[in-house]
Amino acid sequence: MLSLTGFEKKYPSGFEVVIPKLELPKGIHLILGGNGSGKSTLLKALAGIHPAKGEIILNGISLKSQPIEYRRKIGFAAAEPIFPEFLNLDDLIALVAKAKSCQPHEIEELKSLLGADAFSSFPLGGYSSGMLKKAALLLAFLGRPELLILDEPFTTIDSETQNQLIRLIIQKANTGTGFLITSHQSGPLDLLPVDTVLNMKSGRIEGHE
C-alpha cells in the first residue's frame, strides 16, 4: 500500500500540491489532470526526486526515515527523461542492475520487449524522444519494483511498443506490482484494467482535499 499523510510541495511562484491523506492499495491507479495540475510534481515527490513535506510510506517503508530502502522499491519513468549524453543505455542499465540486483535474463527480456536492444550501445546524446522514453521505461522496470510510477508512459513511443508496454503492465500487476500512471492518451488506457482514477486540479486530488 502507498500512503500519503500531510503531503505538501510548495514553489516560490505560490503554486502548491497539497494532499492531506491518500491511501492506495496494490493495483493500477491513474491520475488525470490538465497541464500544470501538479501530476508530475506529485510523481517526482513519490519517486524521492523532489523533497516534500509530510509522510510517504510504501508497504511499511518510509521515504523520510528509510530513503535508500524506499527508493529500491520504486521504479520511475519521467515524462521527458534526461540522461547524461556521453553515456549509453547499457552503462545506465549496469548501474541500476547493480543497485537492484537484477538478473541478466531480466535485462535482456526488457531490452527485447521494448525494442531497446537495437540502440542500447549508442550514446544517449543521439537518442530520439521515443528512444529516450524506451530507455526510461526499461530502467524503471528493472529490479522487480513494488511500485512503478510512470509519467506519460505512452507518449513518443510507437504503437507496437505501446501494446508491449500495456501487456507488460498487466503482467506485472497480476504478480503484485503496483502502478501509478498519468496519461493524456485515452486509447492505451482503455486497454488497462484500471482500479482507481484520481482527478487532479490546481494541486489537489478531488475527494482528497
N, C-alpha and C. Protein backbone atom coordinates (compact mmCIF):
# COMPACT_ATOMS: atom_id res chain seq x y z
N MET A 1 0.84 -1.20 0.00
CA MET A 1 0.00 0.00 0.00
C MET A 1 0.87 1.25 0.00
N LEU A 2 0.45 2.26 -0.75
CA LEU A 2 1.10 3.56 -0.76
C LEU A 2 0.26 4.51 0.08
N SER A 3 0.90 5.17 1.03
CA SER A 3 0.18 6.05 1.94
C SER A 3 0.84 7.42 2.00
N LEU A 4 0.03 8.48 1.85
CA LEU A 4 0.50 9.86 1.99
C LEU A 4 -0.26 10.51 3.14
N THR A 5 0.47 11.20 4.00
CA THR A 5 -0.15 11.93 5.10
C THR A 5 0.48 13.31 5.21
N GLY A 6 -0.34 14.35 5.16
CA GLY A 6 0.17 15.71 5.28
C GLY A 6 1.12 16.12 4.17
N PHE A 7 0.87 15.64 2.96
CA PHE A 7 1.77 15.93 1.83
C PHE A 7 1.63 17.37 1.37
N GLU A 8 2.76 18.08 1.26
CA GLU A 8 2.78 19.44 0.73
C GLU A 8 4.06 19.67 -0.06
N LYS A 9 3.90 20.22 -1.25
CA LYS A 9 5.04 20.65 -2.06
C LYS A 9 4.72 22.05 -2.59
N LYS A 10 5.50 23.03 -2.12
CA LYS A 10 5.24 24.41 -2.48
C LYS A 10 6.39 24.98 -3.31
N TYR A 11 6.03 25.88 -4.24
CA TYR A 11 7.00 26.55 -5.09
C TYR A 11 7.00 28.05 -4.80
N PRO A 12 8.13 28.73 -5.06
CA PRO A 12 8.18 30.18 -4.84
C PRO A 12 7.10 30.95 -5.60
N SER A 13 6.63 30.39 -6.71
CA SER A 13 5.59 31.05 -7.50
C SER A 13 4.25 31.11 -6.77
N GLY A 14 4.13 30.30 -5.73
CA GLY A 14 2.87 30.23 -4.99
C GLY A 14 2.08 28.96 -5.27
N PHE A 15 2.44 28.26 -6.37
CA PHE A 15 1.74 27.00 -6.68
C PHE A 15 2.12 25.95 -5.65
N GLU A 16 1.15 25.17 -5.24
CA GLU A 16 1.41 24.12 -4.27
C GLU A 16 0.56 22.89 -4.55
N VAL A 17 1.12 21.75 -4.22
CA VAL A 17 0.38 20.49 -4.26
C VAL A 17 0.14 20.07 -2.82
N VAL A 18 -1.11 19.91 -2.45
CA VAL A 18 -1.47 19.58 -1.07
C VAL A 18 -2.41 18.37 -1.07
N ILE A 19 -1.99 17.33 -0.37
CA ILE A 19 -2.81 16.12 -0.23
C ILE A 19 -2.80 15.73 1.25
N PRO A 20 -3.85 16.07 1.99
CA PRO A 20 -3.87 15.77 3.43
C PRO A 20 -3.71 14.28 3.74
N LYS A 21 -4.42 13.43 2.98
CA LYS A 21 -4.32 11.99 3.21
C LYS A 21 -4.76 11.23 1.97
N LEU A 22 -3.98 10.22 1.62
CA LEU A 22 -4.30 9.37 0.47
C LEU A 22 -3.72 7.99 0.72
N GLU A 23 -4.53 6.96 0.51
CA GLU A 23 -4.07 5.58 0.63
C GLU A 23 -4.48 4.81 -0.61
N LEU A 24 -3.50 4.16 -1.23
CA LEU A 24 -3.75 3.39 -2.44
C LEU A 24 -3.26 1.96 -2.24
N PRO A 25 -4.13 0.96 -2.35
CA PRO A 25 -3.69 -0.43 -2.27
C PRO A 25 -2.98 -0.82 -3.56
N LYS A 26 -2.45 -2.03 -3.59
CA LYS A 26 -1.85 -2.51 -4.83
C LYS A 26 -2.88 -2.50 -5.94
N GLY A 27 -2.43 -2.18 -7.14
CA GLY A 27 -3.33 -2.11 -8.28
C GLY A 27 -2.80 -1.14 -9.31
N ILE A 28 -3.62 -0.83 -10.29
CA ILE A 28 -3.26 0.13 -11.33
C ILE A 28 -4.08 1.39 -11.08
N HIS A 29 -3.39 2.46 -10.75
CA HIS A 29 -4.05 3.71 -10.39
C HIS A 29 -3.67 4.79 -11.40
N LEU A 30 -4.66 5.50 -11.88
CA LEU A 30 -4.48 6.50 -12.92
C LEU A 30 -4.74 7.89 -12.35
N ILE A 31 -3.84 8.83 -12.66
CA ILE A 31 -4.03 10.23 -12.27
C ILE A 31 -4.30 11.05 -13.52
N LEU A 32 -5.46 11.69 -13.58
CA LEU A 32 -5.83 12.54 -14.70
C LEU A 32 -5.79 14.00 -14.28
N GLY A 33 -5.45 14.86 -15.23
CA GLY A 33 -5.42 16.29 -14.94
C GLY A 33 -4.76 17.03 -16.07
N GLY A 34 -5.09 18.29 -16.23
CA GLY A 34 -4.52 19.10 -17.30
C GLY A 34 -3.08 19.49 -17.01
N ASN A 35 -2.47 20.16 -17.98
CA ASN A 35 -1.11 20.66 -17.79
C ASN A 35 -1.08 21.62 -16.61
N GLY A 36 -0.07 21.48 -15.76
CA GLY A 36 0.06 22.36 -14.62
C GLY A 36 -0.81 22.02 -13.44
N SER A 37 -1.44 20.84 -13.48
CA SER A 37 -2.32 20.45 -12.37
C SER A 37 -1.55 19.91 -11.17
N GLY A 38 -0.27 19.57 -11.39
CA GLY A 38 0.55 19.05 -10.29
C GLY A 38 0.87 17.58 -10.37
N LYS A 39 0.47 16.94 -11.47
CA LYS A 39 0.68 15.48 -11.59
C LYS A 39 2.16 15.12 -11.54
N SER A 40 2.97 15.77 -12.37
CA SER A 40 4.39 15.43 -12.42
C SER A 40 5.09 15.78 -11.12
N THR A 41 4.70 16.88 -10.50
CA THR A 41 5.26 17.26 -9.20
C THR A 41 5.01 16.16 -8.17
N LEU A 42 3.78 15.66 -8.14
CA LEU A 42 3.43 14.60 -7.20
C LEU A 42 4.24 13.34 -7.47
N LEU A 43 4.32 12.93 -8.73
CA LEU A 43 5.03 11.69 -9.06
C LEU A 43 6.51 11.78 -8.72
N LYS A 44 7.13 12.93 -9.00
CA LYS A 44 8.56 13.09 -8.69
C LYS A 44 8.80 13.06 -7.18
N ALA A 45 7.86 13.60 -6.42
CA ALA A 45 8.00 13.54 -4.96
C ALA A 45 7.85 12.11 -4.47
N LEU A 46 6.89 11.38 -5.04
CA LEU A 46 6.69 9.98 -4.65
C LEU A 46 7.88 9.12 -5.03
N ALA A 47 8.58 9.51 -6.09
CA ALA A 47 9.76 8.76 -6.52
C ALA A 47 11.00 9.13 -5.71
N GLY A 48 10.86 10.12 -4.82
CA GLY A 48 12.00 10.53 -4.00
C GLY A 48 12.94 11.49 -4.69
N ILE A 49 12.49 12.10 -5.78
CA ILE A 49 13.33 13.03 -6.54
C ILE A 49 13.17 14.46 -6.02
N HIS A 50 11.95 14.88 -5.77
CA HIS A 50 11.66 16.21 -5.24
C HIS A 50 11.27 16.09 -3.77
N PRO A 51 11.98 16.76 -2.87
CA PRO A 51 11.60 16.71 -1.45
C PRO A 51 10.26 17.40 -1.22
N ALA A 52 9.50 16.90 -0.27
CA ALA A 52 8.20 17.47 0.06
C ALA A 52 7.92 17.24 1.54
N LYS A 53 7.04 18.04 2.10
CA LYS A 53 6.62 17.86 3.48
C LYS A 53 5.65 16.68 3.58
N GLY A 54 5.58 16.13 4.79
CA GLY A 54 4.64 15.05 5.01
C GLY A 54 5.29 13.68 5.02
N GLU A 55 4.48 12.68 5.17
CA GLU A 55 4.95 11.29 5.26
C GLU A 55 4.50 10.51 4.04
N ILE A 56 5.46 9.83 3.41
CA ILE A 56 5.18 8.95 2.28
C ILE A 56 5.67 7.56 2.66
N ILE A 57 4.77 6.59 2.67
CA ILE A 57 5.13 5.24 3.09
C ILE A 57 4.66 4.24 2.04
N LEU A 58 5.56 3.34 1.65
CA LEU A 58 5.23 2.27 0.71
C LEU A 58 5.45 0.93 1.39
N ASN A 59 4.37 0.20 1.58
CA ASN A 59 4.45 -1.13 2.19
C ASN A 59 5.27 -1.14 3.48
N GLY A 60 5.02 -0.13 4.32
CA GLY A 60 5.68 -0.05 5.61
C GLY A 60 7.03 0.63 5.62
N ILE A 61 7.53 1.04 4.46
CA ILE A 61 8.83 1.68 4.36
C ILE A 61 8.65 3.18 4.12
N SER A 62 9.24 3.99 4.99
CA SER A 62 9.08 5.44 4.93
C SER A 62 10.17 6.08 4.06
N LEU A 63 9.75 6.95 3.15
CA LEU A 63 10.72 7.69 2.33
C LEU A 63 11.58 8.58 3.21
N LYS A 64 11.00 9.15 4.24
CA LYS A 64 11.72 10.10 5.09
C LYS A 64 12.77 9.41 5.96
N SER A 65 12.42 8.31 6.60
CA SER A 65 13.33 7.67 7.55
C SER A 65 14.13 6.51 6.95
N GLN A 66 13.67 5.96 5.81
CA GLN A 66 14.38 4.85 5.16
C GLN A 66 14.50 5.13 3.65
N PRO A 67 15.14 6.24 3.27
CA PRO A 67 15.14 6.67 1.87
C PRO A 67 15.76 5.68 0.89
N ILE A 68 16.84 5.02 1.28
CA ILE A 68 17.51 4.10 0.36
C ILE A 68 16.64 2.87 0.11
N GLU A 69 16.12 2.30 1.19
CA GLU A 69 15.27 1.11 1.05
C GLU A 69 14.00 1.46 0.27
N TYR A 70 13.43 2.64 0.55
CA TYR A 70 12.23 3.08 -0.17
C TYR A 70 12.50 3.17 -1.67
N ARG A 71 13.59 3.83 -2.04
CA ARG A 71 13.88 4.03 -3.46
C ARG A 71 14.16 2.73 -4.19
N ARG A 72 14.66 1.73 -3.47
CA ARG A 72 14.89 0.42 -4.09
C ARG A 72 13.58 -0.25 -4.48
N LYS A 73 12.50 0.13 -3.82
CA LYS A 73 11.19 -0.47 -4.08
C LYS A 73 10.42 0.26 -5.18
N ILE A 74 11.00 1.36 -5.68
CA ILE A 74 10.32 2.22 -6.65
C ILE A 74 10.97 2.12 -8.02
N GLY A 75 10.15 2.12 -9.06
CA GLY A 75 10.63 2.32 -10.42
C GLY A 75 9.96 3.56 -10.97
N PHE A 76 10.73 4.49 -11.55
CA PHE A 76 10.16 5.76 -12.01
C PHE A 76 10.61 6.06 -13.44
N ALA A 77 9.64 6.44 -14.28
CA ALA A 77 9.94 6.88 -15.65
C ALA A 77 9.33 8.26 -15.83
N ALA A 78 10.17 9.26 -16.08
CA ALA A 78 9.71 10.64 -16.24
C ALA A 78 9.03 10.84 -17.59
N ALA A 79 8.19 11.87 -17.66
CA ALA A 79 7.51 12.19 -18.91
C ALA A 79 8.50 12.61 -19.98
N GLU A 80 9.51 13.38 -19.59
CA GLU A 80 10.55 13.83 -20.51
C GLU A 80 11.90 13.51 -19.89
N PRO A 81 12.35 12.27 -20.03
CA PRO A 81 13.58 11.83 -19.36
C PRO A 81 14.82 12.54 -19.89
N ILE A 82 15.74 12.81 -18.98
CA ILE A 82 17.02 13.43 -19.32
C ILE A 82 18.13 12.55 -18.74
N PHE A 83 19.09 12.19 -19.59
CA PHE A 83 20.21 11.36 -19.17
C PHE A 83 21.53 12.01 -19.59
N PRO A 84 22.65 11.63 -18.96
CA PRO A 84 23.96 12.13 -19.39
C PRO A 84 24.22 11.73 -20.85
N GLU A 85 24.51 12.69 -21.70
CA GLU A 85 24.60 12.42 -23.13
C GLU A 85 25.80 11.56 -23.50
N PHE A 86 26.84 11.55 -22.67
CA PHE A 86 28.06 10.82 -23.02
C PHE A 86 27.98 9.34 -22.66
N LEU A 87 26.97 8.95 -21.89
CA LEU A 87 26.79 7.54 -21.56
C LEU A 87 25.88 6.87 -22.58
N ASN A 88 25.87 5.53 -22.57
CA ASN A 88 24.87 4.81 -23.37
C ASN A 88 23.92 4.08 -22.42
N LEU A 89 22.87 3.53 -22.98
CA LEU A 89 21.86 2.87 -22.16
C LEU A 89 22.44 1.68 -21.40
N ASP A 90 23.34 0.95 -22.02
CA ASP A 90 23.94 -0.19 -21.34
C ASP A 90 24.70 0.24 -20.08
N ASP A 91 25.32 1.44 -20.13
CA ASP A 91 26.00 1.97 -18.94
C ASP A 91 25.01 2.18 -17.80
N LEU A 92 23.87 2.79 -18.12
CA LEU A 92 22.86 3.06 -17.10
C LEU A 92 22.24 1.76 -16.58
N ILE A 93 22.01 0.82 -17.49
CA ILE A 93 21.47 -0.47 -17.07
C ILE A 93 22.40 -1.15 -16.07
N ALA A 94 23.71 -1.08 -16.33
CA ALA A 94 24.68 -1.71 -15.43
C ALA A 94 24.63 -1.09 -14.04
N LEU A 95 24.47 0.24 -13.98
CA LEU A 95 24.39 0.92 -12.68
C LEU A 95 23.13 0.50 -11.91
N VAL A 96 21.99 0.52 -12.59
CA VAL A 96 20.73 0.16 -11.95
C VAL A 96 20.72 -1.32 -11.58
N ALA A 97 21.24 -2.15 -12.47
CA ALA A 97 21.25 -3.59 -12.22
C ALA A 97 22.06 -3.93 -10.98
N LYS A 98 23.17 -3.23 -10.78
CA LYS A 98 23.99 -3.47 -9.59
C LYS A 98 23.26 -3.02 -8.33
N ALA A 99 22.60 -1.87 -8.40
CA ALA A 99 21.89 -1.34 -7.22
C ALA A 99 20.68 -2.19 -6.85
N LYS A 100 20.04 -2.78 -7.86
CA LYS A 100 18.80 -3.52 -7.61
C LYS A 100 18.94 -5.03 -7.79
N SER A 101 20.18 -5.49 -7.93
CA SER A 101 20.46 -6.94 -8.02
C SER A 101 19.65 -7.61 -9.13
N CYS A 102 19.73 -7.05 -10.34
CA CYS A 102 18.98 -7.60 -11.47
C CYS A 102 19.71 -8.79 -12.08
N GLN A 103 18.95 -9.72 -12.62
CA GLN A 103 19.50 -10.87 -13.31
C GLN A 103 19.67 -10.55 -14.79
N PRO A 104 20.72 -11.10 -15.43
CA PRO A 104 20.96 -10.81 -16.86
C PRO A 104 19.77 -11.12 -17.75
N HIS A 105 19.05 -12.21 -17.47
CA HIS A 105 17.92 -12.58 -18.33
C HIS A 105 16.81 -11.54 -18.24
N GLU A 106 16.65 -10.92 -17.06
CA GLU A 106 15.64 -9.87 -16.89
C GLU A 106 15.97 -8.67 -17.78
N ILE A 107 17.24 -8.31 -17.81
CA ILE A 107 17.68 -7.17 -18.63
C ILE A 107 17.43 -7.44 -20.10
N GLU A 108 17.83 -8.61 -20.57
CA GLU A 108 17.68 -8.93 -21.99
C GLU A 108 16.21 -9.01 -22.39
N GLU A 109 15.37 -9.54 -21.51
CA GLU A 109 13.94 -9.63 -21.82
C GLU A 109 13.32 -8.24 -21.98
N LEU A 110 13.67 -7.32 -21.09
CA LEU A 110 13.13 -5.97 -21.16
C LEU A 110 13.65 -5.22 -22.38
N LYS A 111 14.93 -5.40 -22.69
CA LYS A 111 15.51 -4.75 -23.87
C LYS A 111 14.80 -5.21 -25.14
N SER A 112 14.55 -6.50 -25.23
CA SER A 112 13.88 -7.04 -26.40
C SER A 112 12.42 -6.59 -26.46
N LEU A 113 11.74 -6.64 -25.33
CA LEU A 113 10.32 -6.30 -25.27
C LEU A 113 10.07 -4.86 -25.68
N LEU A 114 10.93 -3.95 -25.23
CA LEU A 114 10.75 -2.53 -25.51
C LEU A 114 11.50 -2.07 -26.75
N GLY A 115 12.15 -3.00 -27.43
CA GLY A 115 12.86 -2.65 -28.65
C GLY A 115 14.09 -1.81 -28.42
N ALA A 116 14.70 -1.94 -27.25
CA ALA A 116 15.86 -1.12 -26.91
C ALA A 116 17.18 -1.81 -27.24
N ASP A 117 17.13 -3.10 -27.57
CA ASP A 117 18.37 -3.82 -27.85
C ASP A 117 19.07 -3.30 -29.10
N ALA A 118 18.32 -2.64 -29.99
CA ALA A 118 18.90 -2.15 -31.24
C ALA A 118 19.77 -0.91 -31.04
N PHE A 119 19.60 -0.20 -29.92
CA PHE A 119 20.34 1.05 -29.75
C PHE A 119 20.97 1.21 -28.36
N SER A 120 20.95 0.18 -27.55
CA SER A 120 21.41 0.32 -26.16
C SER A 120 22.90 0.64 -26.05
N SER A 121 23.68 0.37 -27.10
CA SER A 121 25.12 0.66 -27.05
C SER A 121 25.45 2.04 -27.62
N PHE A 122 24.45 2.77 -28.11
CA PHE A 122 24.68 4.09 -28.70
C PHE A 122 24.68 5.16 -27.60
N PRO A 123 25.47 6.24 -27.78
CA PRO A 123 25.45 7.34 -26.80
C PRO A 123 24.06 7.95 -26.67
N LEU A 124 23.65 8.22 -25.45
CA LEU A 124 22.31 8.75 -25.20
C LEU A 124 22.08 10.12 -25.82
N GLY A 125 23.16 10.85 -26.07
CA GLY A 125 23.04 12.17 -26.67
C GLY A 125 22.46 12.14 -28.07
N GLY A 126 22.49 10.99 -28.73
CA GLY A 126 21.95 10.87 -30.08
C GLY A 126 20.57 10.24 -30.13
N TYR A 127 19.95 10.03 -28.97
CA TYR A 127 18.64 9.36 -28.93
C TYR A 127 17.51 10.31 -29.34
N SER A 128 16.52 9.76 -30.03
CA SER A 128 15.28 10.49 -30.30
C SER A 128 14.44 10.50 -29.02
N SER A 129 13.35 11.26 -29.01
CA SER A 129 12.48 11.30 -27.83
C SER A 129 11.87 9.93 -27.55
N GLY A 130 11.55 9.18 -28.60
CA GLY A 130 11.00 7.85 -28.41
C GLY A 130 12.01 6.88 -27.81
N MET A 131 13.26 6.98 -28.25
CA MET A 131 14.31 6.13 -27.70
C MET A 131 14.58 6.46 -26.24
N LEU A 132 14.55 7.75 -25.91
CA LEU A 132 14.74 8.16 -24.52
C LEU A 132 13.62 7.63 -23.63
N LYS A 133 12.39 7.65 -24.15
CA LYS A 133 11.27 7.15 -23.37
C LYS A 133 11.41 5.63 -23.15
N LYS A 134 11.81 4.91 -24.18
CA LYS A 134 12.02 3.47 -24.02
C LYS A 134 13.11 3.19 -22.98
N ALA A 135 14.17 3.99 -23.01
CA ALA A 135 15.26 3.83 -22.04
C ALA A 135 14.75 4.05 -20.62
N ALA A 136 13.95 5.11 -20.44
CA ALA A 136 13.41 5.41 -19.11
C ALA A 136 12.50 4.30 -18.61
N LEU A 137 11.67 3.78 -19.49
CA LEU A 137 10.76 2.70 -19.11
C LEU A 137 11.53 1.44 -18.74
N LEU A 138 12.54 1.10 -19.53
CA LEU A 138 13.34 -0.09 -19.25
C LEU A 138 13.98 0.02 -17.87
N LEU A 139 14.59 1.16 -17.59
CA LEU A 139 15.26 1.35 -16.30
C LEU A 139 14.26 1.29 -15.14
N ALA A 140 13.05 1.80 -15.37
CA ALA A 140 12.03 1.79 -14.32
C ALA A 140 11.61 0.38 -13.95
N PHE A 141 11.50 -0.49 -14.95
CA PHE A 141 11.01 -1.85 -14.71
C PHE A 141 12.08 -2.78 -14.13
N LEU A 142 13.34 -2.38 -14.18
CA LEU A 142 14.41 -3.25 -13.69
C LEU A 142 14.30 -3.49 -12.19
N GLY A 143 14.64 -4.68 -11.77
CA GLY A 143 14.77 -4.98 -10.35
C GLY A 143 13.50 -5.33 -9.62
N ARG A 144 12.45 -5.66 -10.34
CA ARG A 144 11.19 -6.08 -9.71
C ARG A 144 10.69 -5.08 -8.66
N PRO A 145 10.47 -3.82 -9.04
CA PRO A 145 9.98 -2.83 -8.07
C PRO A 145 8.59 -3.17 -7.56
N GLU A 146 8.29 -2.74 -6.35
CA GLU A 146 6.96 -2.96 -5.78
C GLU A 146 5.95 -1.94 -6.29
N LEU A 147 6.45 -0.76 -6.68
CA LEU A 147 5.59 0.28 -7.23
C LEU A 147 6.27 0.92 -8.43
N LEU A 148 5.57 0.98 -9.55
CA LEU A 148 6.08 1.64 -10.75
C LEU A 148 5.32 2.94 -10.94
N ILE A 149 6.06 4.03 -11.01
CA ILE A 149 5.49 5.37 -11.19
C ILE A 149 5.83 5.82 -12.60
N LEU A 150 4.82 5.90 -13.45
CA LEU A 150 5.03 6.16 -14.88
C LEU A 150 4.31 7.45 -15.27
N ASP A 151 5.10 8.47 -15.63
CA ASP A 151 4.56 9.77 -16.02
C ASP A 151 4.47 9.83 -17.54
N GLU A 152 3.25 9.84 -18.05
CA GLU A 152 3.00 9.87 -19.51
C GLU A 152 3.79 8.78 -20.24
N PRO A 153 3.64 7.52 -19.85
CA PRO A 153 4.47 6.46 -20.44
C PRO A 153 4.20 6.17 -21.91
N PHE A 154 3.03 6.56 -22.43
CA PHE A 154 2.68 6.20 -23.80
C PHE A 154 3.03 7.27 -24.83
N THR A 155 3.51 8.43 -24.37
CA THR A 155 3.87 9.48 -25.32
C THR A 155 5.20 9.16 -26.00
N THR A 156 5.30 9.54 -27.24
CA THR A 156 6.50 9.46 -28.10
C THR A 156 6.92 8.05 -28.50
N ILE A 157 6.29 7.01 -27.97
CA ILE A 157 6.66 5.65 -28.39
C ILE A 157 5.67 5.16 -29.44
N ASP A 158 6.14 4.28 -30.31
CA ASP A 158 5.33 3.77 -31.41
C ASP A 158 4.24 2.84 -30.90
N SER A 159 3.26 2.58 -31.75
CA SER A 159 2.09 1.79 -31.34
C SER A 159 2.47 0.36 -30.93
N GLU A 160 3.46 -0.22 -31.60
CA GLU A 160 3.87 -1.58 -31.23
C GLU A 160 4.43 -1.61 -29.81
N THR A 161 5.26 -0.61 -29.49
CA THR A 161 5.82 -0.55 -28.13
C THR A 161 4.73 -0.23 -27.12
N GLN A 162 3.76 0.60 -27.49
CA GLN A 162 2.62 0.86 -26.61
C GLN A 162 1.91 -0.44 -26.24
N ASN A 163 1.68 -1.27 -27.23
CA ASN A 163 1.00 -2.55 -26.98
C ASN A 163 1.84 -3.47 -26.09
N GLN A 164 3.14 -3.48 -26.34
CA GLN A 164 4.03 -4.29 -25.49
C GLN A 164 4.03 -3.77 -24.06
N LEU A 165 4.01 -2.45 -23.91
CA LEU A 165 4.00 -1.85 -22.58
C LEU A 165 2.71 -2.18 -21.84
N ILE A 166 1.60 -2.14 -22.54
CA ILE A 166 0.31 -2.49 -21.93
C ILE A 166 0.35 -3.93 -21.41
N ARG A 167 0.85 -4.84 -22.23
CA ARG A 167 0.95 -6.25 -21.81
C ARG A 167 1.87 -6.40 -20.61
N LEU A 168 2.98 -5.64 -20.62
CA LEU A 168 3.93 -5.73 -19.51
C LEU A 168 3.32 -5.20 -18.21
N ILE A 169 2.59 -4.09 -18.30
CA ILE A 169 1.94 -3.54 -17.11
C ILE A 169 0.94 -4.54 -16.53
N ILE A 170 0.13 -5.13 -17.40
CA ILE A 170 -0.86 -6.11 -16.94
C ILE A 170 -0.19 -7.32 -16.31
N GLN A 171 0.88 -7.80 -16.95
CA GLN A 171 1.61 -8.95 -16.43
C GLN A 171 2.18 -8.67 -15.05
N LYS A 172 2.81 -7.51 -14.89
CA LYS A 172 3.41 -7.16 -13.60
C LYS A 172 2.34 -6.92 -12.53
N ALA A 173 1.24 -6.28 -12.92
CA ALA A 173 0.16 -6.03 -11.96
C ALA A 173 -0.43 -7.35 -11.46
N ASN A 174 -0.50 -8.34 -12.33
CA ASN A 174 -1.05 -9.64 -11.95
C ASN A 174 -0.15 -10.39 -10.96
N THR A 175 1.12 -9.98 -10.89
CA THR A 175 2.05 -10.62 -9.95
C THR A 175 2.31 -9.74 -8.73
N GLY A 176 1.51 -8.68 -8.56
CA GLY A 176 1.58 -7.91 -7.33
C GLY A 176 2.25 -6.56 -7.39
N THR A 177 2.73 -6.15 -8.56
CA THR A 177 3.34 -4.82 -8.69
C THR A 177 2.26 -3.75 -8.75
N GLY A 178 2.46 -2.66 -8.02
CA GLY A 178 1.53 -1.55 -8.07
C GLY A 178 1.94 -0.55 -9.14
N PHE A 179 0.96 0.19 -9.67
CA PHE A 179 1.24 1.19 -10.71
C PHE A 179 0.53 2.49 -10.40
N LEU A 180 1.25 3.58 -10.61
CA LEU A 180 0.68 4.92 -10.56
C LEU A 180 1.04 5.59 -11.88
N ILE A 181 0.03 5.89 -12.69
CA ILE A 181 0.25 6.30 -14.08
C ILE A 181 -0.48 7.60 -14.37
N THR A 182 0.18 8.50 -15.11
CA THR A 182 -0.51 9.66 -15.68
C THR A 182 -0.47 9.51 -17.20
N SER A 183 -1.50 10.01 -17.86
CA SER A 183 -1.51 9.94 -19.32
C SER A 183 -2.57 10.88 -19.88
N HIS A 184 -2.23 11.51 -21.02
CA HIS A 184 -3.21 12.32 -21.75
C HIS A 184 -3.85 11.50 -22.87
N GLN A 185 -3.32 10.30 -23.13
CA GLN A 185 -3.80 9.48 -24.24
C GLN A 185 -4.82 8.47 -23.73
N SER A 186 -6.05 8.60 -24.16
CA SER A 186 -7.10 7.71 -23.67
C SER A 186 -7.04 6.33 -24.32
N GLY A 187 -6.55 6.24 -25.55
CA GLY A 187 -6.54 4.97 -26.27
C GLY A 187 -5.87 3.84 -25.52
N PRO A 188 -4.57 3.97 -25.17
CA PRO A 188 -3.91 2.89 -24.44
C PRO A 188 -4.55 2.60 -23.09
N LEU A 189 -5.05 3.64 -22.43
CA LEU A 189 -5.64 3.46 -21.10
C LEU A 189 -6.88 2.60 -21.14
N ASP A 190 -7.60 2.63 -22.25
CA ASP A 190 -8.81 1.82 -22.39
C ASP A 190 -8.51 0.33 -22.33
N LEU A 191 -7.25 -0.03 -22.58
CA LEU A 191 -6.86 -1.44 -22.59
C LEU A 191 -6.31 -1.90 -21.24
N LEU A 192 -6.20 -0.98 -20.28
CA LEU A 192 -5.67 -1.33 -18.97
C LEU A 192 -6.79 -1.54 -17.96
N PRO A 193 -6.68 -2.56 -17.12
CA PRO A 193 -7.68 -2.78 -16.05
C PRO A 193 -7.41 -1.84 -14.88
N VAL A 194 -7.79 -0.58 -15.03
CA VAL A 194 -7.51 0.44 -14.02
C VAL A 194 -8.39 0.24 -12.79
N ASP A 195 -7.79 0.28 -11.61
CA ASP A 195 -8.53 0.09 -10.36
C ASP A 195 -9.07 1.41 -9.81
N THR A 196 -8.29 2.47 -9.96
CA THR A 196 -8.68 3.77 -9.40
C THR A 196 -8.33 4.88 -10.37
N VAL A 197 -9.24 5.84 -10.52
CA VAL A 197 -8.96 7.05 -11.31
C VAL A 197 -9.01 8.24 -10.36
N LEU A 198 -7.90 8.96 -10.27
CA LEU A 198 -7.80 10.14 -9.43
C LEU A 198 -7.76 11.37 -10.32
N ASN A 199 -8.61 12.33 -10.07
CA ASN A 199 -8.65 13.56 -10.85
C ASN A 199 -7.93 14.67 -10.08
N MET A 200 -6.95 15.28 -10.75
CA MET A 200 -6.13 16.31 -10.11
C MET A 200 -6.35 17.65 -10.77
N LYS A 201 -6.49 18.69 -9.97
CA LYS A 201 -6.71 20.04 -10.48
C LYS A 201 -6.13 21.04 -9.49
N SER A 202 -5.32 21.96 -10.00
CA SER A 202 -4.75 23.03 -9.17
C SER A 202 -4.06 22.50 -7.92
N GLY A 203 -3.33 21.39 -8.08
CA GLY A 203 -2.55 20.86 -6.97
C GLY A 203 -3.34 20.08 -5.94
N ARG A 204 -4.59 19.75 -6.25
CA ARG A 204 -5.42 18.98 -5.32
C ARG A 204 -6.00 17.76 -6.03
N ILE A 205 -6.19 16.67 -5.31
CA ILE A 205 -6.86 15.49 -5.84
C ILE A 205 -8.30 15.52 -5.35
N GLU A 206 -9.23 15.48 -6.29
CA GLU A 206 -10.64 15.56 -5.94
C GLU A 206 -11.03 14.44 -4.97
N GLY A 207 -11.71 14.82 -3.91
CA GLY A 207 -12.12 13.85 -2.90
C GLY A 207 -11.08 13.61 -1.83
N HIS A 208 -9.89 14.24 -2.00
CA HIS A 208 -8.81 14.06 -1.02
C HIS A 208 -8.23 15.42 -0.64
N GLU A 209 -9.12 16.44 -0.59
CA GLU A 209 -8.67 17.78 -0.26
C GLU A 209 -8.43 17.94 1.24
